[in-house]
Amino acid sequence: MDGRDWGTFLLPYEQTVEELKVKFKTMRSELKKREEYTPIEFVTGRVKRLSSILEKAKRLNVKMEDLETGIEDIAGIRIMCQFVEDIRRVAEYIRSRKDLEVQYEKDYITNYKESGYRSFHMIIKYPVQTALGQKIVLAEIQIRTLAMNFWATIEHSLNYKYRESLPDEMRLRLKTAAEAAAILDAEMSSIRDEILEAQKLFEENSNTTTQVLSAIHQLYFYHLVNEAIESQARFNTIWQAHDMEGMKKLLEEIQTMISNAKKANLPDGL
């Protein structure tokens, strides 16, 4: 190992991971607001541990002075999706971005590994602004479903334990588990529309409930104390009965009370 300052060496990668996490989380929020559904379930990121960097460099015969170009996944982002179909959509969003450059892609979903590993990888160049100026950093983005991620996490742990030399029985059982995960993904895709409809309904009901409680609080602001107490009692009854139509009606009534109160408090002539 050379005598470089490894903490300083890793700084641009740490910054890259943090910036990309923020950008993809923001993308998730924006897509949800625009389309009521986002193909991104959640985003994680990590900088490869120094021991793992050195082990990979040794395995790939990468010289210490070539680490920045020879090891492409020192900075890693993982984007989780609900459905296999979402993976292609997320990849297309990434390709269209102007703040990074896709170098190449590895499709381990169509062409999954012998072990059963499935995921979609994109190697990108990302310009990060450091204290010493701009630096181009290589990073890997992995896009996968929750089922793929569960399997890959377990396989990674076992490979670490057995130092990449899994016993044959364990290898076979993992491969069987990977096939089961793929079947699970296929089943979820087959009922995708029903799942999305249920999630949308839950989101709408949750938002309505939150709006009612917020509106009741506003009644106190306009000194409509009796109305607020009565509305809270009605809310409790409706909530217990899971009556969402009643909840929507209550919201409309409270909003009308607030609107009338606002008008009553306007100065004359306005």
Protein backbone atom coordinates (compact mmCIF):
# COMPACT_ATOMS: atom_id res chain seq x y z
CA MET A 1 0.00 0.00 0.00
CA ASP A 2 1.31 3.46 -0.86
CA GLY A 3 1.55 6.28 1.65
CA ARG A 4 -1.32 8.40 0.37
CA ASP A 5 -3.84 10.12 2.65
CA TRP A 6 -6.79 7.77 2.16
CA GLY A 7 -9.22 10.03 3.98
CA THR A 8 -8.50 12.83 1.49
CA PHE A 9 -8.62 10.37 -1.41
CA LEU A 10 -12.15 9.29 -0.48
CA LEU A 11 -13.55 12.80 0.06
CA PRO A 12 -14.74 13.37 -3.55
CA TYR A 13 -16.44 9.97 -3.51
CA GLU A 14 -18.22 10.77 -0.24
CA GLN A 15 -19.40 14.08 -1.71
CA THR A 16 -20.54 12.33 -4.90
CA VAL A 17 -22.63 9.82 -2.95
CA GLU A 18 -24.31 12.50 -0.85
CA GLU A 19 -25.10 14.71 -3.86
CA LEU A 20 -26.49 11.85 -5.95
CA LYS A 21 -28.64 10.62 -3.06
CA VAL A 22 -30.17 14.09 -2.72
CA LYS A 23 -30.76 14.35 -6.47
CA PHE A 24 -32.48 10.99 -6.82
CA LYS A 25 -34.57 11.53 -3.69
CA THR A 26 -35.64 14.87 -5.15
CA MET A 27 -36.48 13.12 -8.42
CA ARG A 28 -38.64 10.67 -6.45
CA SER A 29 -40.56 13.50 -4.76
CA GLU A 30 -41.07 15.39 -8.01
CA LEU A 31 -42.33 12.32 -9.89
CA LYS A 32 -44.76 11.56 -7.08
CA LYS A 33 -46.20 15.07 -7.21
CA ARG A 34 -46.45 15.08 -11.00
CA GLU A 35 -47.73 11.55 -11.60
CA GLU A 36 -49.02 10.35 -8.19
CA TYR A 37 -46.70 7.37 -8.61
CA THR A 38 -42.94 7.15 -8.66
CA PRO A 39 -40.89 4.21 -9.94
CA ILE A 40 -38.33 4.97 -7.22
CA GLU A 41 -39.19 3.33 -3.91
CA PHE A 42 -36.12 4.57 -2.02
CA VAL A 43 -32.45 5.48 -2.54
CA THR A 44 -29.33 4.47 -0.61
CA GLY A 45 -25.64 5.10 -1.16
CA ARG A 46 -22.25 4.19 0.18
CA VAL A 47 -18.53 4.70 -0.35
CA LYS A 48 -16.68 1.39 -0.65
CA ARG A 49 -14.65 0.51 2.42
CA LEU A 50 -10.92 0.88 2.04
CA SER A 51 -10.35 -2.84 2.69
CA SER A 52 -12.84 -3.70 -0.08
CA ILE A 53 -11.17 -1.24 -2.49
CA LEU A 54 -7.78 -2.82 -1.89
CA GLU A 55 -9.12 -6.37 -2.19
CA LYS A 56 -10.84 -5.55 -5.48
CA ALA A 57 -7.72 -3.81 -6.82
CA LYS A 58 -5.70 -6.93 -6.01
CA ARG A 59 -8.28 -9.21 -7.65
CA LEU A 60 -8.41 -7.09 -10.83
CA ASN A 61 -4.66 -6.33 -10.88
CA VAL A 62 -5.31 -2.60 -10.65
CA LYS A 63 -2.26 -0.56 -9.63
CA MET A 64 -2.59 1.87 -6.71
CA GLU A 65 -2.02 4.85 -9.02
CA ASP A 66 -4.88 3.67 -11.26
CA LEU A 67 -7.57 3.24 -8.59
CA GLU A 68 -9.65 6.21 -9.78
CA THR A 69 -10.15 4.67 -13.22
CA GLY A 70 -9.66 0.99 -12.46
CA ILE A 71 -12.23 0.67 -9.66
CA GLU A 72 -15.52 2.05 -10.93
CA ASP A 73 -17.73 1.48 -7.88
CA ILE A 74 -15.86 3.26 -5.09
CA ALA A 75 -18.92 5.52 -5.01
CA GLY A 76 -22.14 3.53 -5.21
CA ILE A 77 -25.82 4.49 -5.39
CA ARG A 78 -28.63 1.95 -5.13
CA ILE A 79 -32.13 2.78 -6.37
CA MET A 80 -34.91 0.42 -5.28
CA CYS A 81 -38.08 -0.10 -7.31
CA GLN A 82 -41.35 -1.91 -6.58
CA PHE A 83 -41.64 -3.56 -9.99
CA VAL A 84 -39.23 -4.89 -12.61
CA GLU A 85 -40.86 -2.62 -15.21
CA ASP A 86 -39.86 0.42 -13.16
CA ILE A 87 -36.15 -0.36 -13.54
CA ARG A 88 -36.08 0.49 -17.27
CA ARG A 89 -38.00 3.68 -16.61
CA VAL A 90 -35.54 4.83 -13.94
CA ALA A 91 -32.60 3.99 -16.22
CA GLU A 92 -34.13 6.18 -18.93
CA TYR A 93 -34.47 9.09 -16.50
CA ILE A 94 -30.79 8.72 -15.61
CA ARG A 95 -29.70 8.61 -19.27
CA SER A 96 -31.53 11.89 -19.94
CA ARG A 97 -29.85 13.83 -17.11
CA LYS A 98 -27.41 16.58 -18.01
CA ASP A 99 -25.52 16.60 -14.69
CA LEU A 100 -23.88 13.20 -15.23
CA GLU A 101 -22.63 11.09 -18.12
CA VAL A 102 -23.42 7.40 -18.49
CA GLN A 103 -20.31 5.47 -19.56
CA TYR A 104 -21.85 2.04 -20.00
CA GLU A 105 -24.52 -0.27 -18.64
CA LYS A 106 -24.60 -3.86 -17.42
CA ASP A 107 -27.97 -5.59 -17.65
CA TYR A 108 -27.94 -8.44 -15.12
CA ILE A 109 -31.73 -8.74 -15.34
CA THR A 110 -32.02 -9.89 -18.92
CA ASN A 111 -28.65 -11.65 -18.61
CA TYR A 112 -28.54 -12.60 -14.94
CA LYS A 113 -25.40 -14.09 -13.45
CA GLU A 114 -24.87 -17.81 -12.98
CA SER A 115 -25.26 -17.29 -9.23
CA GLY A 116 -28.77 -15.92 -9.79
CA TYR A 117 -27.77 -12.29 -9.20
CA ARG A 118 -30.13 -9.80 -10.88
CA SER A 119 -29.70 -6.04 -11.06
CA PHE A 120 -29.22 -3.22 -13.57
CA HIS A 121 -25.92 -1.37 -13.32
CA MET A 122 -24.92 1.98 -14.81
CA ILE A 123 -21.37 3.32 -14.60
CA ILE A 124 -21.38 7.11 -14.71
CA LYS A 125 -19.00 10.04 -14.70
CA TYR A 126 -20.05 12.70 -12.20
CA PRO A 127 -18.45 16.17 -11.93
CA VAL A 128 -18.06 17.04 -8.26
CA GLN A 129 -17.02 20.52 -7.11
CA THR A 130 -14.27 20.19 -4.52
CA ALA A 131 -12.35 22.89 -2.64
CA LEU A 132 -9.57 22.48 -5.22
CA GLY A 133 -11.88 22.69 -8.23
CA GLN A 134 -13.95 20.27 -10.30
CA LYS A 135 -13.12 16.58 -10.22
CA ILE A 136 -14.66 13.89 -12.42
CA VAL A 137 -15.58 10.85 -10.33
CA LEU A 138 -16.65 7.42 -11.51
CA ALA A 139 -19.67 6.00 -9.70
CA GLU A 140 -21.92 2.97 -10.05
CA ILE A 141 -25.70 3.16 -9.93
CA GLN A 142 -27.52 -0.11 -9.22
CA ILE A 143 -31.24 -0.28 -9.97
CA ARG A 144 -33.15 -3.28 -8.65
CA THR A 145 -36.40 -4.44 -7.10
CA LEU A 146 -36.84 -5.02 -3.38
CA ALA A 147 -36.77 -8.79 -3.96
CA MET A 148 -33.53 -8.56 -5.96
CA ASN A 149 -31.99 -6.41 -3.25
CA PHE A 150 -32.94 -8.81 -0.45
CA TRP A 151 -31.29 -11.70 -2.30
CA ALA A 152 -28.17 -9.70 -3.23
CA THR A 153 -27.67 -8.48 0.33
CA ILE A 154 -27.74 -12.04 1.68
CA GLU A 155 -25.44 -13.32 -1.07
CA HIS A 156 -22.94 -10.52 -0.40
CA SER A 157 -22.82 -11.38 3.31
CA LEU A 158 -22.29 -15.07 2.61
CA ASN A 159 -19.59 -14.39 0.03
CA TYR A 160 -17.78 -12.25 2.59
CA LYS A 161 -18.00 -15.03 5.17
CA TYR A 162 -16.72 -17.71 2.78
CA ARG A 163 -14.24 -15.41 1.01
CA GLU A 164 -15.93 -15.86 -2.40
CA SER A 165 -15.72 -19.68 -2.07
CA LEU A 166 -19.28 -20.67 -1.22
CA PRO A 167 -19.90 -24.38 -0.52
CA ASP A 168 -21.71 -26.10 -3.40
CA GLU A 169 -24.83 -26.75 -1.30
CA MET A 170 -25.02 -23.09 -0.26
CA ARG A 171 -24.50 -21.96 -3.86
CA LEU A 172 -27.36 -24.20 -5.04
CA ARG A 173 -29.71 -22.99 -2.33
CA LEU A 174 -28.92 -19.36 -3.16
CA LYS A 175 -29.61 -20.00 -6.83
CA THR A 176 -32.97 -21.56 -5.93
CA ALA A 177 -33.75 -18.55 -3.74
CA ALA A 178 -32.87 -16.21 -6.64
CA GLU A 179 -35.35 -18.04 -8.87
CA ALA A 180 -38.00 -17.72 -6.15
CA ALA A 181 -37.31 -13.96 -5.94
CA ALA A 182 -37.70 -13.69 -9.73
CA ILE A 183 -41.04 -15.51 -9.53
CA LEU A 184 -42.13 -13.10 -6.77
CA ASP A 185 -41.24 -10.12 -8.98
CA ALA A 186 -43.19 -11.65 -11.88
CA GLU A 187 -46.25 -12.22 -9.67
CA MET A 188 -46.13 -8.65 -8.37
CA SER A 189 -45.93 -7.37 -11.95
CA SER A 190 -48.99 -9.43 -12.91
CA ILE A 191 -51.09 -7.60 -10.28
CA ARG A 192 -49.29 -4.26 -10.66
CA ASP A 193 -52.43 -2.27 -11.55
CA GLU A 194 -54.32 -3.54 -8.51
CA ILE A 195 -51.37 -2.77 -6.23
CA LEU A 196 -51.00 0.77 -7.59
CA GLU A 197 -54.74 1.40 -7.27
CA ALA A 198 -54.67 0.25 -3.65
CA GLN A 199 -51.63 2.43 -2.89
CA LYS A 200 -53.28 5.44 -4.52
CA LEU A 201 -56.46 4.92 -2.50
CA PHE A 202 -54.45 4.66 0.72
CA GLU A 203 -52.58 7.87 -0.13
CA GLU A 204 -55.80 9.75 -0.89
CA ASN A 205 -57.48 8.57 2.32
CA SER A 206 -54.42 9.45 4.36
CA ASN A 207 -54.28 12.95 2.85
CA THR A 208 -58.01 13.52 3.49
CA THR A 209 -57.61 12.49 7.14
CA THR A 210 -54.66 14.85 7.58
CA GLN A 211 -56.59 17.70 5.94
CA VAL A 212 -59.57 17.20 8.28
CA LEU A 213 -57.40 17.33 11.40
CA SER A 214 -55.60 20.41 10.13
CA ALA A 215 -58.93 22.09 9.31
CA ILE A 216 -60.29 21.35 12.79
CA HIS A 217 -57.23 23.05 14.25
CA GLN A 218 -57.96 26.10 12.04
CA LEU A 219 -61.47 26.36 13.51
CA TYR A 220 -59.88 27.22 16.87
CA PHE A 221 -57.84 29.93 15.15
CA TYR A 222 -61.11 31.58 14.04
CA HIS A 223 -62.57 31.17 17.55
CA LEU A 224 -65.11 28.59 16.36
CA VAL A 225 -64.56 26.53 19.48
CA ASN A 226 -67.95 24.78 19.61
CA GLU A 227 -67.70 23.92 15.92
CA ALA A 228 -64.20 22.54 16.46
CA ILE A 229 -65.31 20.34 19.38
CA GLU A 230 -68.29 19.07 17.42
CA SER A 231 -66.16 18.40 14.33
CA GLN A 232 -63.59 16.50 16.42
CA ALA A 233 -66.33 14.30 17.85
CA ARG A 234 -67.68 13.61 14.35
CA PHE A 235 -64.15 12.86 13.16
CA ASN A 236 -63.67 10.29 15.93
CA THR A 237 -66.91 8.51 14.99
CA ILE A 238 -66.12 8.55 11.27
CA TRP A 239 -62.56 7.35 11.87
CA GLN A 240 -63.75 4.41 13.94
CA ALA A 241 -66.21 3.45 11.19
CA HIS A 242 -63.59 3.79 8.40
CA ASP A 243 -66.14 5.91 6.53
CA MET A 244 -64.03 7.83 4.01
CA GLU A 245 -67.04 9.29 2.21
CA GLY A 246 -68.16 10.69 5.54
CA MET A 247 -64.62 12.01 6.10
CA LYS A 248 -64.69 13.86 2.76
CA LYS A 249 -68.09 15.34 3.58
CA LEU A 250 -66.83 16.50 6.98
CA LEU A 251 -63.82 18.14 5.31
CA GLU A 252 -66.09 20.06 2.93
CA GLU A 253 -68.27 21.27 5.80
CA ILE A 254 -65.30 22.45 7.86
CA GLN A 255 -63.76 24.19 4.85
CA THR A 256 -67.07 26.02 4.30
CA MET A 257 -67.05 27.17 7.96
CA ILE A 258 -63.47 28.43 7.58
CA SER A 259 -64.31 30.20 4.32
CA ASN A 260 -67.29 31.94 5.94
CA ALA A 261 -65.17 32.93 8.94
CA LYS A 262 -62.54 34.46 6.65
CA LYS A 263 -65.19 36.49 4.84
CA ALA A 264 -66.67 37.69 8.13
CA ASN A 265 -63.27 38.92 9.26
CA LEU A 266 -62.54 40.92 6.09
CA PRO A 267 -62.54 44.74 6.51
CA ASP A 268 -65.51 46.51 4.96
CA GLY A 269 -65.12 47.24 1.27
CA LEU A 270 -62.81 44.30 0.53
